[in-house]
Amino acid sequence: MISIGSMDKLCYVENPTYTNNANYGGIQSATYAANPSVGNNKIYAAVEYKGGNEKDDGEQKVGETVADFYIRYEKYKDTIQQNWRIYYFDSTGTQKYYYIESIAFIDGRHKITKLRAVNKEVE
């Protein structure tokens, strides 16, 4: 199981703000920004890579990497939602954006929160 000491990777969470398309009323774009309700958007996590794949999407190759981010449970982190994203610097120092797909509370009584997220890179 994940130990508290292994949660040493500095990450940031951001929530989206959507703008509407004036012509058709649909969502035009999303802008991500820090949410002050999540402790100034900084979190420390243990990161486990769960693999990935590559597929064609709109005549482009898209590589996906799936990772689980384990964070220590704290009440104010309950505001994190599935439409948020996580960014952090990987072992090579490259900034990566991971979009949250699921949120799970593990290890009983909300001790640890698992955020499963996907990074998509267009080649």
PDB file of N, CA and C in Angstrom:
ATOM      1  N   MET A   1       0.837  -1.186   0.000  1.00  0.00           N
ATOM      2  CA  MET A   1       0.000   0.000   0.000  1.00  0.00           C
ATOM      3  C   MET A   1       0.881   1.249   0.000  1.00  0.00           C
ATOM      4  N   ILE A   2       0.322   2.338  -0.362  1.00  0.00           N
ATOM      5  CA  ILE A   2       1.017   3.610  -0.442  1.00  0.00           C
ATOM      6  C   ILE A   2       1.271   4.152   0.968  1.00  0.00           C
ATOM      7  N   SER A   3       2.506   4.598   1.219  1.00  0.00           N
ATOM      8  CA  SER A   3       2.807   5.199   2.516  1.00  0.00           C
ATOM      9  C   SER A   3       2.800   6.721   2.380  1.00  0.00           C
ATOM     10  N   ILE A   4       2.568   7.386   3.476  1.00  0.00           N
ATOM     11  CA  ILE A   4       2.538   8.846   3.483  1.00  0.00           C
ATOM     12  C   ILE A   4       3.898   9.400   3.031  1.00  0.00           C
ATOM     13  N   GLY A   5       4.985   8.745   3.395  1.00  0.00           N
ATOM     14  CA  GLY A   5       6.312   9.206   3.025  1.00  0.00           C
ATOM     15  C   GLY A   5       6.586   9.172   1.531  1.00  0.00           C
ATOM     16  N   SER A   6       5.856   8.331   0.787  1.00  0.00           N
ATOM     17  CA  SER A   6       6.081   8.266  -0.664  1.00  0.00           C
ATOM     18  C   SER A   6       5.331   9.356  -1.427  1.00  0.00           C
ATOM     19  N   MET A   7       4.525  10.128  -0.732  1.00  0.00           N
ATOM     20  CA  MET A   7       3.773  11.215  -1.371  1.00  0.00           C
ATOM     21  C   MET A   7       4.642  12.474  -1.388  1.00  0.00           C
ATOM     22  N   ASP A   8       5.654  12.455  -2.265  1.00  0.00           N
ATOM     23  CA  ASP A   8       6.643  13.523  -2.264  1.00  0.00           C
ATOM     24  C   ASP A   8       6.763  14.274  -3.581  1.00  0.00           C
ATOM     25  N   LYS A   9       5.889  14.007  -4.529  1.00  0.00           N
ATOM     26  CA  LYS A   9       5.923  14.712  -5.821  1.00  0.00           C
ATOM     27  C   LYS A   9       4.997  15.920  -5.751  1.00  0.00           C
ATOM     28  N   LEU A  10       5.560  17.100  -5.964  1.00  0.00           N
ATOM     29  CA  LEU A  10       4.762  18.321  -5.936  1.00  0.00           C
ATOM     30  C   LEU A  10       3.912  18.404  -7.200  1.00  0.00           C
ATOM     31  N   CYS A  11       2.607  18.534  -7.030  1.00  0.00           N
ATOM     32  CA  CYS A  11       1.657  18.635  -8.134  1.00  0.00           C
ATOM     33  C   CYS A  11       0.757  19.840  -7.886  1.00  0.00           C
ATOM     34  N   TYR A  12       0.049  20.223  -8.911  1.00  0.00           N
ATOM     35  CA  TYR A  12      -0.902  21.320  -8.803  1.00  0.00           C
ATOM     36  C   TYR A  12      -2.218  20.870  -9.422  1.00  0.00           C
ATOM     37  N   VAL A  13      -3.338  21.249  -8.813  1.00  0.00           N
ATOM     38  CA  VAL A  13      -4.645  20.953  -9.394  1.00  0.00           C
ATOM     39  C   VAL A  13      -5.278  22.249  -9.865  1.00  0.00           C
ATOM     40  N   GLU A  14      -5.976  22.163 -10.990  1.00  0.00           N
ATOM     41  CA  GLU A  14      -6.635  23.328 -11.571  1.00  0.00           C
ATOM     42  C   GLU A  14      -8.048  22.949 -11.977  1.00  0.00           C
ATOM     43  N   ASN A  15      -8.964  23.879 -11.789  1.00  0.00           N
ATOM     44  CA  ASN A  15     -10.333  23.634 -12.230  1.00  0.00           C
ATOM     45  C   ASN A  15     -10.636  24.459 -13.477  1.00  0.00           C
ATOM     46  N   PRO A  16     -11.535  23.960 -14.341  1.00  0.00           N
ATOM     47  CA  PRO A  16     -11.816  24.666 -15.598  1.00  0.00           C
ATOM     48  C   PRO A  16     -12.860  25.758 -15.430  1.00  0.00           C
ATOM     49  N   THR A  17     -12.745  26.774 -16.259  1.00  0.00           N
ATOM     50  CA  THR A  17     -13.770  27.794 -16.426  1.00  0.00           C
ATOM     51  C   THR A  17     -14.166  27.725 -17.897  1.00  0.00           C
ATOM     52  N   TYR A  18     -15.438  27.523 -18.154  1.00  0.00           N
ATOM     53  CA  TYR A  18     -15.901  27.340 -19.522  1.00  0.00           C
ATOM     54  C   TYR A  18     -16.453  28.642 -20.086  1.00  0.00           C
ATOM     55  N   THR A  19     -16.208  28.866 -21.367  1.00  0.00           N
ATOM     56  CA  THR A  19     -16.798  30.011 -22.058  1.00  0.00           C
ATOM     57  C   THR A  19     -17.734  29.482 -23.129  1.00  0.00           C
ATOM     58  N   ASN A  20     -18.831  30.179 -23.337  1.00  0.00           N
ATOM     59  CA  ASN A  20     -19.830  29.745 -24.307  1.00  0.00           C
ATOM     60  C   ASN A  20     -19.531  30.304 -25.688  1.00  0.00           C
ATOM     61  N   ASN A  21     -19.938  29.553 -26.676  1.00  0.00           N
ATOM     62  CA  ASN A  21     -19.875  30.000 -28.052  1.00  0.00           C
ATOM     63  C   ASN A  21     -21.080  30.901 -28.283  1.00  0.00           C
ATOM     64  N   ALA A  22     -20.861  32.169 -28.611  1.00  0.00           N
ATOM     65  CA  ALA A  22     -21.953  33.134 -28.760  1.00  0.00           C
ATOM     66  C   ALA A  22     -22.899  32.777 -29.899  1.00  0.00           C
ATOM     67  N   ASN A  23     -22.407  32.098 -30.919  1.00  0.00           N
ATOM     68  CA  ASN A  23     -23.250  31.781 -32.075  1.00  0.00           C
ATOM     69  C   ASN A  23     -24.203  30.620 -31.829  1.00  0.00           C
ATOM     70  N   TYR A  24     -23.729  29.585 -31.143  1.00  0.00           N
ATOM     71  CA  TYR A  24     -24.525  28.374 -31.020  1.00  0.00           C
ATOM     72  C   TYR A  24     -24.863  28.000 -29.581  1.00  0.00           C
ATOM     73  N   GLY A  25     -24.280  28.651 -28.606  1.00  0.00           N
ATOM     74  CA  GLY A  25     -24.603  28.383 -27.216  1.00  0.00           C
ATOM     75  C   GLY A  25     -23.866  27.205 -26.610  1.00  0.00           C
ATOM     76  N   GLY A  26     -23.049  26.503 -27.374  1.00  0.00           N
ATOM     77  CA  GLY A  26     -22.299  25.376 -26.845  1.00  0.00           C
ATOM     78  C   GLY A  26     -21.016  25.840 -26.175  1.00  0.00           C
ATOM     79  N   ILE A  27     -20.336  24.917 -25.528  1.00  0.00           N
ATOM     80  CA  ILE A  27     -19.079  25.254 -24.878  1.00  0.00           C
ATOM     81  C   ILE A  27     -18.017  25.451 -25.948  1.00  0.00           C
ATOM     82  N   GLN A  28     -17.365  26.588 -25.915  1.00  0.00           N
ATOM     83  CA  GLN A  28     -16.345  26.899 -26.908  1.00  0.00           C
ATOM     84  C   GLN A  28     -14.964  26.468 -26.434  1.00  0.00           C
ATOM     85  N   SER A  29     -14.632  26.793 -25.204  1.00  0.00           N
ATOM     86  CA  SER A  29     -13.317  26.433 -24.712  1.00  0.00           C
ATOM     87  C   SER A  29     -13.312  26.400 -23.188  1.00  0.00           C
ATOM     88  N   ALA A  30     -12.273  25.770 -22.659  1.00  0.00           N
ATOM     89  CA  ALA A  30     -12.091  25.699 -21.216  1.00  0.00           C
ATOM     90  C   ALA A  30     -10.757  26.330 -20.866  1.00  0.00           C
ATOM     91  N   THR A  31     -10.737  27.147 -19.825  1.00  0.00           N
ATOM     92  CA  THR A  31      -9.523  27.750 -19.311  1.00  0.00           C
ATOM     93  C   THR A  31      -9.310  27.203 -17.907  1.00  0.00           C
ATOM     94  N   TYR A  32      -8.125  26.710 -17.624  1.00  0.00           N
ATOM     95  CA  TYR A  32      -7.840  26.136 -16.314  1.00  0.00           C
ATOM     96  C   TYR A  32      -7.107  27.146 -15.440  1.00  0.00           C
ATOM     97  N   ALA A  33      -7.471  27.168 -14.166  1.00  0.00           N
ATOM     98  CA  ALA A  33      -6.829  28.066 -13.213  1.00  0.00           C
ATOM     99  C   ALA A  33      -6.831  27.417 -11.831  1.00  0.00           C
ATOM    100  N   ALA A  34      -5.982  27.920 -10.969  1.00  0.00           N
ATOM    101  CA  ALA A  34      -5.893  27.412  -9.601  1.00  0.00           C
ATOM    102  C   ALA A  34      -7.182  27.693  -8.854  1.00  0.00           C
ATOM    103  N   ASN A  35      -7.565  26.760  -8.002  1.00  0.00           N
ATOM    104  CA  ASN A  35      -8.744  26.926  -7.162  1.00  0.00           C
ATOM    105  C   ASN A  35      -8.270  27.184  -5.736  1.00  0.00           C
ATOM    106  N   PRO A  36      -8.539  28.364  -5.194  1.00  0.00           N
ATOM    107  CA  PRO A  36      -8.028  28.682  -3.853  1.00  0.00           C
ATOM    108  C   PRO A  36      -8.593  27.797  -2.750  1.00  0.00           C
ATOM    109  N   SER A  37      -9.697  27.099  -2.995  1.00  0.00           N
ATOM    110  CA  SER A  37     -10.269  26.243  -1.951  1.00  0.00           C
ATOM    111  C   SER A  37      -9.450  24.975  -1.740  1.00  0.00           C
ATOM    112  N   VAL A  38      -8.493  24.677  -2.620  1.00  0.00           N
ATOM    113  CA  VAL A  38      -7.676  23.477  -2.490  1.00  0.00           C
ATOM    114  C   VAL A  38      -6.275  23.863  -2.042  1.00  0.00           C
ATOM    115  N   GLY A  39      -6.173  24.534  -0.942  1.00  0.00           N
ATOM    116  CA  GLY A  39      -4.881  24.845  -0.345  1.00  0.00           C
ATOM    117  C   GLY A  39      -3.904  25.484  -1.310  1.00  0.00           C
ATOM    118  N   ASN A  40      -4.355  26.522  -2.016  1.00  0.00           N
ATOM    119  CA  ASN A  40      -3.512  27.236  -2.969  1.00  0.00           C
ATOM    120  C   ASN A  40      -3.066  26.321  -4.112  1.00  0.00           C
ATOM    121  N   ASN A  41      -3.836  25.338  -4.431  1.00  0.00           N
ATOM    122  CA  ASN A  41      -3.746  24.361  -5.519  1.00  0.00           C
ATOM    123  C   ASN A  41      -2.532  23.439  -5.474  1.00  0.00           C
ATOM    124  N   LYS A  42      -1.706  23.482  -4.440  1.00  0.00           N
ATOM    125  CA  LYS A  42      -0.567  22.574  -4.308  1.00  0.00           C
ATOM    126  C   LYS A  42      -0.996  21.301  -3.600  1.00  0.00           C
ATOM    127  N   ILE A  43      -0.556  20.180  -4.143  1.00  0.00           N
ATOM    128  CA  ILE A  43      -0.734  18.901  -3.467  1.00  0.00           C
ATOM    129  C   ILE A  43       0.560  18.109  -3.615  1.00  0.00           C
ATOM    130  N   TYR A  44       0.796  17.218  -2.684  1.00  0.00           N
ATOM    131  CA  TYR A  44       1.915  16.293  -2.789  1.00  0.00           C
ATOM    132  C   TYR A  44       1.334  14.913  -3.013  1.00  0.00           C
ATOM    133  N   ALA A  45       1.891  14.195  -3.988  1.00  0.00           N
ATOM    134  CA  ALA A  45       1.316  12.917  -4.376  1.00  0.00           C
ATOM    135  C   ALA A  45       2.388  11.862  -4.597  1.00  0.00           C
ATOM    136  N   ALA A  46       1.967  10.613  -4.461  1.00  0.00           N
ATOM    137  CA  ALA A  46       2.753   9.482  -4.946  1.00  0.00           C
ATOM    138  C   ALA A  46       2.186   9.171  -6.322  1.00  0.00           C
ATOM    139  N   VAL A  47       3.039   9.029  -7.311  1.00  0.00           N
ATOM    140  CA  VAL A  47       2.588   8.827  -8.684  1.00  0.00           C
ATOM    141  C   VAL A  47       2.963   7.425  -9.137  1.00  0.00           C
ATOM    142  N   GLU A  48       1.958   6.673  -9.636  1.00  0.00           N
ATOM    143  CA  GLU A  48       2.185   5.347 -10.200  1.00  0.00           C
ATOM    144  C   GLU A  48       1.682   5.346 -11.631  1.00  0.00           C
ATOM    145  N   TYR A  49       2.568   5.017 -12.555  1.00  0.00           N
ATOM    146  CA  TYR A  49       2.167   4.948 -13.962  1.00  0.00           C
ATOM    147  C   TYR A  49       1.491   3.612 -14.224  1.00  0.00           C
ATOM    148  N   LYS A  50       0.382   3.646 -14.933  1.00  0.00           N
ATOM    149  CA  LYS A  50      -0.411   2.451 -15.190  1.00  0.00           C
ATOM    150  C   LYS A  50      -0.418   2.046 -16.660  1.00  0.00           C
ATOM    151  N   GLY A  51       0.532   2.573 -17.412  1.00  0.00           N
ATOM    152  CA  GLY A  51       0.625   2.191 -18.817  1.00  0.00           C
ATOM    153  C   GLY A  51       0.019   3.233 -19.722  1.00  0.00           C
ATOM    154  N   GLY A  52      -0.161   2.859 -20.955  1.00  0.00           N
ATOM    155  CA  GLY A  52      -0.709   3.787 -21.921  1.00  0.00           C
ATOM    156  C   GLY A  52      -0.919   3.099 -23.243  1.00  0.00           C
ATOM    157  N   ASN A  53      -1.305   3.869 -24.230  1.00  0.00           N
ATOM    158  CA  ASN A  53      -1.498   3.341 -25.564  1.00  0.00           C
ATOM    159  C   ASN A  53      -1.388   4.472 -26.571  1.00  0.00           C
ATOM    160  N   GLU A  54      -1.477   4.098 -27.823  1.00  0.00           N
ATOM    161  CA  GLU A  54      -1.411   5.078 -28.899  1.00  0.00           C
ATOM    162  C   GLU A  54      -2.553   4.773 -29.852  1.00  0.00           C
ATOM    163  N   LYS A  55      -3.226   5.814 -30.337  1.00  0.00           N
ATOM    164  CA  LYS A  55      -4.334   5.609 -31.268  1.00  0.00           C
ATOM    165  C   LYS A  55      -4.389   6.759 -32.250  1.00  0.00           C
ATOM    166  N   ASP A  56      -5.133   6.565 -33.320  1.00  0.00           N
ATOM    167  CA  ASP A  56      -5.364   7.614 -34.304  1.00  0.00           C
ATOM    168  C   ASP A  56      -6.636   8.350 -33.933  1.00  0.00           C
ATOM    169  N   ASP A  57      -6.547   9.666 -33.872  1.00  0.00           N
ATOM    170  CA  ASP A  57      -7.713  10.486 -33.546  1.00  0.00           C
ATOM    171  C   ASP A  57      -7.713  11.674 -34.494  1.00  0.00           C
ATOM    172  N   GLY A  58      -8.653  11.678 -35.432  1.00  0.00           N
ATOM    173  CA  GLY A  58      -8.722  12.781 -36.386  1.00  0.00           C
ATOM    174  C   GLY A  58      -7.477  12.901 -37.234  1.00  0.00           C
ATOM    175  N   GLU A  59      -6.996  11.783 -37.746  1.00  0.00           N
ATOM    176  CA  GLU A  59      -5.812  11.720 -38.599  1.00  0.00           C
ATOM    177  C   GLU A  59      -4.534  12.172 -37.890  1.00  0.00           C
ATOM    178  N   GLN A  60      -4.523  12.076 -36.584  1.00  0.00           N
ATOM    179  CA  GLN A  60      -3.331  12.367 -35.795  1.00  0.00           C
ATOM    180  C   GLN A  60      -3.087  11.212 -34.844  1.00  0.00           C
ATOM    181  N   LYS A  61      -1.837  10.956 -34.564  1.00  0.00           N
ATOM    182  CA  LYS A  61      -1.516   9.951 -33.556  1.00  0.00           C
ATOM    183  C   LYS A  61      -1.558  10.616 -32.192  1.00  0.00           C
ATOM    184  N   VAL A  62      -2.271   9.984 -31.279  1.00  0.00           N
ATOM    185  CA  VAL A  62      -2.400  10.505 -29.922  1.00  0.00           C
ATOM    186  C   VAL A  62      -1.881   9.447 -28.954  1.00  0.00           C
ATOM    187  N   GLY A  63      -0.881   9.811 -28.186  1.00  0.00           N
ATOM    188  CA  GLY A  63      -0.353   8.920 -27.164  1.00  0.00           C
ATOM    189  C   GLY A  63      -0.997   9.237 -25.820  1.00  0.00           C
ATOM    190  N   GLU A  64      -1.428   8.207 -25.116  1.00  0.00           N
ATOM    191  CA  GLU A  64      -2.056   8.391 -23.809  1.00  0.00           C
ATOM    192  C   GLU A  64      -1.226   7.692 -22.745  1.00  0.00           C
ATOM    193  N   THR A  65      -1.042   8.354 -21.621  1.00  0.00           N
ATOM    194  CA  THR A  65      -0.389   7.774 -20.463  1.00  0.00           C
ATOM    195  C   THR A  65      -1.348   7.873 -19.293  1.00  0.00           C
ATOM    196  N   VAL A  66      -1.580   6.757 -18.623  1.00  0.00           N
ATOM    197  CA  VAL A  66      -2.474   6.723 -17.466  1.00  0.00           C
ATOM    198  C   VAL A  66      -1.613   6.669 -16.204  1.00  0.00           C
ATOM    199  N   ALA A  67      -1.982   7.484 -15.220  1.00  0.00           N
ATOM    200  CA  ALA A  67      -1.249   7.508 -13.956  1.00  0.00           C
ATOM    201  C   ALA A  67      -2.229   7.653 -12.800  1.00  0.00           C
ATOM    202  N   ASP A  68      -1.879   7.047 -11.685  1.00  0.00           N
ATOM    203  CA  ASP A  68      -2.639   7.213 -10.448  1.00  0.00           C
ATOM    204  C   ASP A  68      -1.856   8.149  -9.542  1.00  0.00           C
ATOM    205  N   PHE A  69      -2.537   9.175  -9.065  1.00  0.00           N
ATOM    206  CA  PHE A  69      -1.960  10.124  -8.123  1.00  0.00           C
ATOM    207  C   PHE A  69      -2.596   9.845  -6.765  1.00  0.00           C
ATOM    208  N   TYR A  70      -1.796   9.452  -5.797  1.00  0.00           N
ATOM    209  CA  TYR A  70      -2.277   9.182  -4.447  1.00  0.00           C
ATOM    210  C   TYR A  70      -1.952  10.394  -3.582  1.00  0.00           C
ATOM    211  N   ILE A  71      -2.983  10.983  -2.990  1.00  0.00           N
ATOM    212  CA  ILE A  71      -2.774  12.149  -2.135  1.00  0.00           C
ATOM    213  C   ILE A  71      -3.356  11.869  -0.759  1.00  0.00           C
ATOM    214  N   ARG A  72      -2.803  12.543   0.212  1.00  0.00           N
ATOM    215  CA  ARG A  72      -3.313  12.400   1.580  1.00  0.00           C
ATOM    216  C   ARG A  72      -4.673  13.061   1.656  1.00  0.00           C
ATOM    217  N   TYR A  73      -5.618  12.369   2.271  1.00  0.00           N
ATOM    218  CA  TYR A  73      -6.971  12.915   2.363  1.00  0.00           C
ATOM    219  C   TYR A  73      -7.003  14.076   3.340  1.00  0.00           C
ATOM    220  N   GLU A  74      -7.592  15.157   2.906  1.00  0.00           N
ATOM    221  CA  GLU A  74      -7.891  16.295   3.761  1.00  0.00           C
ATOM    222  C   GLU A  74      -9.242  16.828   3.320  1.00  0.00           C
ATOM    223  N   LYS A  75     -10.043  17.276   4.245  1.00  0.00           N
ATOM    224  CA  LYS A  75     -11.432  17.654   3.969  1.00  0.00           C
ATOM    225  C   LYS A  75     -11.549  18.670   2.839  1.00  0.00           C
ATOM    226  N   TYR A  76     -10.675  19.666   2.795  1.00  0.00           N
ATOM    227  CA  TYR A  76     -10.798  20.695   1.768  1.00  0.00           C
ATOM    228  C   TYR A  76     -10.524  20.145   0.374  1.00  0.00           C
ATOM    229  N   LYS A  77      -9.880  18.988   0.266  1.00  0.00           N
ATOM    230  CA  LYS A  77      -9.613  18.398  -1.046  1.00  0.00           C
ATOM    231  C   LYS A  77     -10.842  17.700  -1.620  1.00  0.00           C
ATOM    232  N   ASP A  78     -11.943  17.663  -0.872  1.00  0.00           N
ATOM    233  CA  ASP A  78     -13.192  17.106  -1.391  1.00  0.00           C
ATOM    234  C   ASP A  78     -13.740  17.924  -2.549  1.00  0.00           C
ATOM    235  N   THR A  79     -13.254  19.134  -2.737  1.00  0.00           N
ATOM    236  CA  THR A  79     -13.744  19.967  -3.831  1.00  0.00           C
ATOM    237  C   THR A  79     -13.166  19.552  -5.186  1.00  0.00           C
ATOM    238  N   ILE A  80     -12.146  18.708  -5.212  1.00  0.00           N
ATOM    239  CA  ILE A  80     -11.562  18.252  -6.477  1.00  0.00           C
ATOM    240  C   ILE A  80     -12.611  17.446  -7.239  1.00  0.00           C
ATOM    241  N   GLN A  81     -12.791  17.772  -8.518  1.00  0.00           N
ATOM    242  CA  GLN A  81     -13.806  17.131  -9.353  1.00  0.00           C
ATOM    243  C   GLN A  81     -13.161  16.418 -10.539  1.00  0.00           C
ATOM    244  N   GLN A  82     -13.958  15.588 -11.224  1.00  0.00           N
ATOM    245  CA  GLN A  82     -13.439  14.807 -12.347  1.00  0.00           C
ATOM    246  C   GLN A  82     -13.123  15.638 -13.578  1.00  0.00           C
ATOM    247  N   ASN A  83     -13.621  16.846 -13.677  1.00  0.00           N
ATOM    248  CA  ASN A  83     -13.305  17.665 -14.850  1.00  0.00           C
ATOM    249  C   ASN A  83     -12.080  18.556 -14.616  1.00  0.00           C
ATOM    250  N   TRP A  84     -11.377  18.371 -13.511  1.00  0.00           N
ATOM    251  CA  TRP A  84     -10.182  19.137 -13.207  1.00  0.00           C
ATOM    252  C   TRP A  84      -8.973  18.468 -13.849  1.00  0.00           C
ATOM    253  N   ARG A  85      -7.839  19.160 -13.774  1.00  0.00           N
ATOM    254  CA  ARG A  85      -6.605  18.560 -14.266  1.00  0.00           C
ATOM    255  C   ARG A  85      -5.495  18.738 -13.231  1.00  0.00           C
ATOM    256  N   ILE A  86      -4.471  17.920 -13.393  1.00  0.00           N
ATOM    257  CA  ILE A  86      -3.292  17.943 -12.532  1.00  0.00           C
ATOM    258  C   ILE A  86      -2.109  18.268 -13.416  1.00  0.00           C
ATOM    259  N   TYR A  87      -1.240  19.146 -12.973  1.00  0.00           N
ATOM    260  CA  TYR A  87       0.022  19.273 -13.697  1.00  0.00           C
ATOM    261  C   TYR A  87       1.170  19.133 -12.726  1.00  0.00           C
ATOM    262  N   TYR A  88       2.199  18.520 -13.245  1.00  0.00           N
ATOM    263  CA  TYR A  88       3.408  18.355 -12.446  1.00  0.00           C
ATOM    264  C   TYR A  88       4.583  18.122 -13.378  1.00  0.00           C
ATOM    265  N   PHE A  89       5.770  18.192 -12.832  1.00  0.00           N
ATOM    266  CA  PHE A  89       6.985  18.003 -13.598  1.00  0.00           C
ATOM    267  C   PHE A  89       7.469  16.576 -13.381  1.00  0.00           C
ATOM    268  N   ASP A  90       7.590  15.821 -14.478  1.00  0.00           N
ATOM    269  CA  ASP A  90       8.015  14.431 -14.359  1.00  0.00           C
ATOM    270  C   ASP A  90       9.511  14.344 -14.057  1.00  0.00           C
ATOM    271  N   SER A  91      10.045  13.136 -14.048  1.00  0.00           N
ATOM    272  CA  SER A  91      11.445  12.922 -13.655  1.00  0.00           C
ATOM    273  C   SER A  91      12.437  13.593 -14.607  1.00  0.00           C
ATOM    274  N   THR A  92      12.006  13.914 -15.826  1.00  0.00           N
ATOM    275  CA  THR A  92      12.888  14.597 -16.772  1.00  0.00           C
ATOM    276  C   THR A  92      12.760  16.116 -16.680  1.00  0.00           C
ATOM    277  N   GLY A  93      11.866  16.607 -15.822  1.00  0.00           N
ATOM    278  CA  GLY A  93      11.653  18.038 -15.669  1.00  0.00           C
ATOM    279  C   GLY A  93      10.647  18.615 -16.651  1.00  0.00           C
ATOM    280  N   THR A  94       9.956  17.745 -17.385  1.00  0.00           N
ATOM    281  CA  THR A  94       8.958  18.183 -18.354  1.00  0.00           C
ATOM    282  C   THR A  94       7.611  18.371 -17.671  1.00  0.00           C
ATOM    283  N   GLN A  95       6.967  19.500 -17.927  1.00  0.00           N
ATOM    284  CA  GLN A  95       5.639  19.757 -17.361  1.00  0.00           C
ATOM    285  C   GLN A  95       4.599  18.946 -18.122  1.00  0.00           C
ATOM    286  N   LYS A  96       3.801  18.173 -17.399  1.00  0.00           N
ATOM    287  CA  LYS A  96       2.775  17.318 -17.997  1.00  0.00           C
ATOM    288  C   LYS A  96       1.412  17.668 -17.408  1.00  0.00           C
ATOM    289  N   TYR A  97       0.400  17.621 -18.259  1.00  0.00           N
ATOM    290  CA  TYR A  97      -0.977  17.837 -17.817  1.00  0.00           C
ATOM    291  C   TYR A  97      -1.719  16.506 -17.834  1.00  0.00           C
ATOM    292  N   TYR A  98      -2.323  16.158 -16.720  1.00  0.00           N
ATOM    293  CA  TYR A  98      -3.112  14.940 -16.597  1.00  0.00           C
ATOM    294  C   TYR A  98      -4.547  15.342 -16.277  1.00  0.00           C
ATOM    295  N   TYR A  99      -5.489  14.800 -17.028  1.00  0.00           N
ATOM    296  CA  TYR A  99      -6.902  15.125 -16.844  1.00  0.00           C
ATOM    297  C   TYR A  99      -7.556  14.022 -16.027  1.00  0.00           C
ATOM    298  N   ILE A 100      -8.170  14.407 -14.909  1.00  0.00           N
ATOM    299  CA  ILE A 100      -8.720  13.451 -13.953  1.00  0.00           C
ATOM    300  C   ILE A 100      -9.894  12.706 -14.568  1.00  0.00           C
ATOM    301  N   GLU A 101      -9.849  11.368 -14.471  1.00  0.00           N
ATOM    302  CA  GLU A 101     -10.931  10.518 -14.957  1.00  0.00           C
ATOM    303  C   GLU A 101     -11.771   9.956 -13.824  1.00  0.00           C
ATOM    304  N   SER A 102     -11.138   9.647 -12.693  1.00  0.00           N
ATOM    305  CA  SER A 102     -11.895   9.093 -11.581  1.00  0.00           C
ATOM    306  C   SER A 102     -11.236   9.475 -10.259  1.00  0.00           C
ATOM    307  N   ILE A 103     -12.066   9.466  -9.219  1.00  0.00           N
ATOM    308  CA  ILE A 103     -11.619   9.792  -7.868  1.00  0.00           C
ATOM    309  C   ILE A 103     -12.097   8.670  -6.956  1.00  0.00           C
ATOM    310  N   ALA A 104     -11.185   8.110  -6.161  1.00  0.00           N
ATOM    311  CA  ALA A 104     -11.553   7.031  -5.241  1.00  0.00           C
ATOM    312  C   ALA A 104     -10.903   7.291  -3.889  1.00  0.00           C
ATOM    313  N   PHE A 105     -11.596   6.914  -2.845  1.00  0.00           N
ATOM    314  CA  PHE A 105     -11.065   7.020  -1.489  1.00  0.00           C
ATOM    315  C   PHE A 105     -10.670   5.618  -1.060  1.00  0.00           C
ATOM    316  N   ILE A 106      -9.403   5.434  -0.707  1.00  0.00           N
ATOM    317  CA  ILE A 106      -8.912   4.105  -0.374  1.00  0.00           C
ATOM    318  C   ILE A 106      -8.301   4.092   1.016  1.00  0.00           C
ATOM    319  N   ASP A 107      -7.967   2.906   1.451  1.00  0.00           N
ATOM    320  CA  ASP A 107      -7.316   2.687   2.735  1.00  0.00           C
ATOM    321  C   ASP A 107      -8.205   3.074   3.908  1.00  0.00           C
ATOM    322  N   GLY A 108      -9.500   2.936   3.742  1.00  0.00           N
ATOM    323  CA  GLY A 108     -10.446   3.105   4.840  1.00  0.00           C
ATOM    324  C   GLY A 108     -10.544   4.504   5.415  1.00  0.00           C
ATOM    325  N   ARG A 109     -11.706   4.913   5.717  1.00  0.00           N
ATOM    326  CA  ARG A 109     -12.007   6.173   6.396  1.00  0.00           C
ATOM    327  C   ARG A 109     -11.315   7.385   5.788  1.00  0.00           C
ATOM    328  N   HIS A 110     -11.244   7.427   4.493  1.00  0.00           N
ATOM    329  CA  HIS A 110     -10.692   8.578   3.779  1.00  0.00           C
ATOM    330  C   HIS A 110      -9.257   8.927   4.183  1.00  0.00           C
ATOM    331  N   LYS A 111      -8.391   7.941   4.293  1.00  0.00           N
ATOM    332  CA  LYS A 111      -6.989   8.247   4.604  1.00  0.00           C
ATOM    333  C   LYS A 111      -6.241   8.707   3.363  1.00  0.00           C
ATOM    334  N   ILE A 112      -6.529   8.077   2.226  1.00  0.00           N
ATOM    335  CA  ILE A 112      -5.834   8.385   0.984  1.00  0.00           C
ATOM    336  C   ILE A 112      -6.856   8.539  -0.134  1.00  0.00           C
ATOM    337  N   THR A 113      -6.631   9.528  -0.994  1.00  0.00           N
ATOM    338  CA  THR A 113      -7.476   9.738  -2.161  1.00  0.00           C
ATOM    339  C   THR A 113      -6.669   9.373  -3.399  1.00  0.00           C
ATOM    340  N   LYS A 114      -7.271   8.561  -4.279  1.00  0.00           N
ATOM    341  CA  LYS A 114      -6.611   8.184  -5.531  1.00  0.00           C
ATOM    342  C   LYS A 114      -7.272   8.936  -6.676  1.00  0.00           C
ATOM    343  N   LEU A 115      -6.460   9.668  -7.429  1.00  0.00           N
ATOM    344  CA  LEU A 115      -6.931  10.375  -8.608  1.00  0.00           C
ATOM    345  C   LEU A 115      -6.340   9.671  -9.820  1.00  0.00           C
ATOM    346  N   ARG A 116      -7.186   9.016 -10.609  1.00  0.00           N
ATOM    347  CA  ARG A 116      -6.704   8.392 -11.854  1.00  0.00           C
ATOM    348  C   ARG A 116      -6.840   9.436 -12.959  1.00  0.00           C
ATOM    349  N   ALA A 117      -5.736   9.651 -13.678  1.00  0.00           N
ATOM    350  CA  ALA A 117      -5.718  10.730 -14.670  1.00  0.00           C
ATOM    351  C   ALA A 117      -4.992  10.264 -15.931  1.00  0.00           C
ATOM    352  N   VAL A 118      -5.312  10.939 -17.048  1.00  0.00           N
ATOM    353  CA  VAL A 118      -4.748  10.595 -18.348  1.00  0.00           C
ATOM    354  C   VAL A 118      -4.058  11.811 -18.957  1.00  0.00           C
ATOM    355  N   ASN A 119      -2.867  11.575 -19.493  1.00  0.00           N
ATOM    356  CA  ASN A 119      -2.131  12.593 -20.243  1.00  0.00           C
ATOM    357  C   ASN A 119      -2.224  12.219 -21.705  1.00  0.00           C
ATOM    358  N   LYS A 120      -2.651  13.178 -22.540  1.00  0.00           N
ATOM    359  CA  LYS A 120      -2.754  12.916 -23.984  1.00  0.00           C
ATOM    360  C   LYS A 120      -1.777  13.827 -24.710  1.00  0.00           C
ATOM    361  N   GLU A 121      -0.949  13.223 -25.541  1.00  0.00           N
ATOM    362  CA  GLU A 121       0.037  13.977 -26.305  1.00  0.00           C
ATOM    363  C   GLU A 121      -0.158  13.687 -27.783  1.00  0.00           C
ATOM    364  N   VAL A 122      -0.313  14.743 -28.568  1.00  0.00           N
ATOM    365  CA  VAL A 122      -0.474  14.619 -30.011  1.00  0.00           C
ATOM    366  C   VAL A 122       0.898  14.589 -30.658  1.00  0.00           C
ATOM    367  N   GLU A 123       1.106  13.627 -31.521  1.00  0.00           N
ATOM    368  CA  GLU A 123       2.407  13.511 -32.203  1.00  0.00           C
ATOM    369  C   GLU A 123       2.345  14.124 -33.573  1.00  0.00           C
TER     370      GLU A 123
END
